[in-house]
Amino acid sequence: IGIVMVTLGFAMIILPAPPYFEMFTIFHFTLNDGFTLMDLISLIIILTGIFVAIKSYFKFANQY
């Protein structure tokens, strides 16, 4: 599940976003580009996926 969440998060960053996510720009790098709400949601999904993967790895490793 963690690997799927990380893949989904990166796909959300790479693929074009719908206009209602694009209009909420949190930080502008240039006039036409910036850090959007969808980027923030994607990073949260990626970090959650990494956390789930690491936590499940250590839980699995402690069984043996």
N, C-alpha and C. Protein backbone atom coordinates (compact mmCIF):
# COMPACT_ATOMS: atom_id res chain seq x y z
N ILE A 1 0.83 -1.19 0.00
CA ILE A 1 0.00 0.00 0.00
C ILE A 1 0.88 1.25 0.00
N GLY A 2 1.99 1.20 0.73
CA GLY A 2 2.88 2.35 0.78
C GLY A 2 3.50 2.66 -0.57
N ILE A 3 3.89 1.62 -1.31
CA ILE A 3 4.48 1.83 -2.64
C ILE A 3 3.44 2.39 -3.60
N VAL A 4 2.21 1.93 -3.50
CA VAL A 4 1.14 2.45 -4.35
C VAL A 4 0.87 3.92 -4.03
N MET A 5 0.90 4.29 -2.75
CA MET A 5 0.68 5.68 -2.38
C MET A 5 1.80 6.59 -2.88
N VAL A 6 3.04 6.11 -2.81
CA VAL A 6 4.16 6.91 -3.32
C VAL A 6 4.03 7.09 -4.83
N THR A 7 3.68 6.02 -5.54
CA THR A 7 3.49 6.10 -6.99
C THR A 7 2.35 7.05 -7.35
N LEU A 8 1.25 6.97 -6.61
CA LEU A 8 0.12 7.86 -6.85
C LEU A 8 0.49 9.32 -6.61
N GLY A 9 1.26 9.58 -5.57
CA GLY A 9 1.68 10.95 -5.28
C GLY A 9 2.56 11.52 -6.37
N PHE A 10 3.53 10.71 -6.86
CA PHE A 10 4.38 11.20 -7.95
C PHE A 10 3.58 11.39 -9.23
N ALA A 11 2.60 10.52 -9.47
CA ALA A 11 1.76 10.67 -10.67
C ALA A 11 0.93 11.94 -10.59
N MET A 12 0.47 12.30 -9.40
CA MET A 12 -0.30 13.53 -9.25
C MET A 12 0.56 14.76 -9.53
N ILE A 13 1.85 14.69 -9.20
CA ILE A 13 2.74 15.82 -9.47
C ILE A 13 3.04 15.92 -10.96
N ILE A 14 3.27 14.78 -11.61
CA ILE A 14 3.69 14.77 -13.01
C ILE A 14 2.54 15.09 -13.96
N LEU A 15 1.36 14.50 -13.71
CA LEU A 15 0.23 14.69 -14.61
C LEU A 15 -0.36 16.09 -14.47
N PRO A 16 -0.98 16.60 -15.54
CA PRO A 16 -1.58 17.94 -15.45
C PRO A 16 -2.75 17.96 -14.47
N ALA A 17 -2.88 19.07 -13.77
CA ALA A 17 -3.90 19.20 -12.73
C ALA A 17 -5.15 19.86 -13.29
N PRO A 18 -6.31 19.56 -12.70
CA PRO A 18 -7.53 20.25 -13.09
C PRO A 18 -7.45 21.74 -12.73
N PRO A 19 -8.21 22.57 -13.41
CA PRO A 19 -8.10 24.02 -13.18
C PRO A 19 -8.47 24.46 -11.76
N TYR A 20 -9.37 23.75 -11.09
CA TYR A 20 -9.75 24.20 -9.75
C TYR A 20 -8.65 23.94 -8.72
N PHE A 21 -7.69 23.06 -9.00
CA PHE A 21 -6.52 22.92 -8.14
C PHE A 21 -5.42 23.90 -8.54
N GLU A 22 -5.35 24.21 -9.82
CA GLU A 22 -4.28 25.09 -10.31
C GLU A 22 -4.47 26.53 -9.86
N MET A 23 -5.70 26.95 -9.59
CA MET A 23 -5.88 28.37 -9.24
C MET A 23 -5.47 28.67 -7.80
N PHE A 24 -5.28 27.65 -6.96
CA PHE A 24 -4.81 27.87 -5.60
C PHE A 24 -3.30 27.70 -5.56
N THR A 25 -2.58 28.74 -5.92
CA THR A 25 -1.12 28.71 -5.89
C THR A 25 -0.65 29.25 -4.55
N ILE A 26 0.11 28.44 -3.84
CA ILE A 26 0.57 28.81 -2.50
C ILE A 26 1.81 29.69 -2.58
N PHE A 27 2.76 29.34 -3.44
CA PHE A 27 4.00 30.08 -3.57
C PHE A 27 4.33 30.22 -5.05
N HIS A 28 4.55 31.44 -5.52
CA HIS A 28 4.87 31.69 -6.93
C HIS A 28 6.38 31.72 -7.14
N PHE A 29 6.87 30.88 -8.07
CA PHE A 29 8.27 30.94 -8.47
C PHE A 29 8.45 32.02 -9.54
N THR A 30 7.60 31.98 -10.55
CA THR A 30 7.56 33.01 -11.60
C THR A 30 6.10 33.43 -11.75
N LEU A 31 5.81 34.25 -12.74
CA LEU A 31 4.43 34.68 -12.96
C LEU A 31 3.53 33.52 -13.37
N ASN A 32 4.07 32.55 -14.11
CA ASN A 32 3.26 31.45 -14.63
C ASN A 32 3.47 30.12 -13.92
N ASP A 33 4.32 30.06 -12.94
CA ASP A 33 4.63 28.79 -12.30
C ASP A 33 4.74 28.98 -10.79
N GLY A 34 4.37 27.92 -10.06
CA GLY A 34 4.46 28.01 -8.61
C GLY A 34 4.13 26.70 -7.94
N PHE A 35 4.06 26.72 -6.62
CA PHE A 35 3.74 25.57 -5.79
C PHE A 35 2.25 25.61 -5.51
N THR A 36 1.51 24.63 -6.03
CA THR A 36 0.05 24.66 -5.96
C THR A 36 -0.47 23.77 -4.83
N LEU A 37 -1.77 23.84 -4.62
CA LEU A 37 -2.44 23.03 -3.61
C LEU A 37 -2.30 21.55 -3.94
N MET A 38 -2.36 21.20 -5.23
CA MET A 38 -2.24 19.80 -5.61
C MET A 38 -0.83 19.27 -5.32
N ASP A 39 0.18 20.11 -5.46
CA ASP A 39 1.55 19.70 -5.10
C ASP A 39 1.65 19.40 -3.61
N LEU A 40 1.01 20.22 -2.79
CA LEU A 40 1.03 20.00 -1.35
C LEU A 40 0.32 18.70 -0.98
N ILE A 41 -0.83 18.43 -1.58
CA ILE A 41 -1.56 17.19 -1.34
C ILE A 41 -0.73 15.99 -1.80
N SER A 42 -0.07 16.12 -2.93
CA SER A 42 0.77 15.04 -3.45
C SER A 42 1.93 14.73 -2.51
N LEU A 43 2.56 15.77 -1.98
CA LEU A 43 3.68 15.54 -1.06
C LEU A 43 3.21 14.88 0.24
N ILE A 44 2.02 15.23 0.70
CA ILE A 44 1.47 14.58 1.89
C ILE A 44 1.22 13.10 1.61
N ILE A 45 0.68 12.78 0.42
CA ILE A 45 0.44 11.38 0.05
C ILE A 45 1.75 10.61 -0.05
N ILE A 46 2.78 11.22 -0.64
CA ILE A 46 4.09 10.58 -0.77
C ILE A 46 4.69 10.31 0.60
N LEU A 47 4.67 11.29 1.49
CA LEU A 47 5.25 11.11 2.82
C LEU A 47 4.48 10.06 3.63
N THR A 48 3.15 10.01 3.48
CA THR A 48 2.37 8.99 4.15
C THR A 48 2.70 7.61 3.62
N GLY A 49 2.89 7.49 2.30
CA GLY A 49 3.27 6.21 1.71
C GLY A 49 4.62 5.73 2.19
N ILE A 50 5.58 6.65 2.31
CA ILE A 50 6.90 6.29 2.82
C ILE A 50 6.80 5.84 4.28
N PHE A 51 6.00 6.55 5.06
CA PHE A 51 5.81 6.19 6.47
C PHE A 51 5.19 4.80 6.60
N VAL A 52 4.17 4.52 5.80
CA VAL A 52 3.49 3.21 5.85
C VAL A 52 4.45 2.10 5.43
N ALA A 53 5.25 2.33 4.39
CA ALA A 53 6.18 1.32 3.92
C ALA A 53 7.26 1.01 4.97
N ILE A 54 7.81 2.05 5.59
CA ILE A 54 8.85 1.85 6.60
C ILE A 54 8.27 1.17 7.83
N LYS A 55 7.10 1.61 8.27
CA LYS A 55 6.48 1.02 9.46
C LYS A 55 6.12 -0.45 9.24
N SER A 56 5.62 -0.78 8.06
CA SER A 56 5.28 -2.18 7.80
C SER A 56 6.53 -3.04 7.64
N TYR A 57 7.61 -2.46 7.10
CA TYR A 57 8.87 -3.21 6.99
C TYR A 57 9.40 -3.58 8.36
N PHE A 58 9.43 -2.63 9.29
CA PHE A 58 9.94 -2.92 10.62
C PHE A 58 9.02 -3.85 11.40
N LYS A 59 7.73 -3.74 11.16
CA LYS A 59 6.80 -4.67 11.82
C LYS A 59 7.01 -6.09 11.30
N PHE A 60 7.25 -6.23 9.99
CA PHE A 60 7.51 -7.53 9.40
C PHE A 60 8.86 -8.08 9.85
N ALA A 61 9.87 -7.22 9.96
CA ALA A 61 11.21 -7.67 10.34
C ALA A 61 11.26 -8.11 11.79
N ASN A 62 10.43 -7.54 12.64
CA ASN A 62 10.45 -7.92 14.07
C ASN A 62 9.72 -9.22 14.34
N GLN A 63 9.00 -9.76 13.37
CA GLN A 63 8.30 -11.03 13.57
C GLN A 63 9.27 -12.21 13.62
N TYR A 64 10.40 -12.08 12.96
CA TYR A 64 11.32 -13.22 12.85
C TYR A 64 12.52 -13.05 13.72
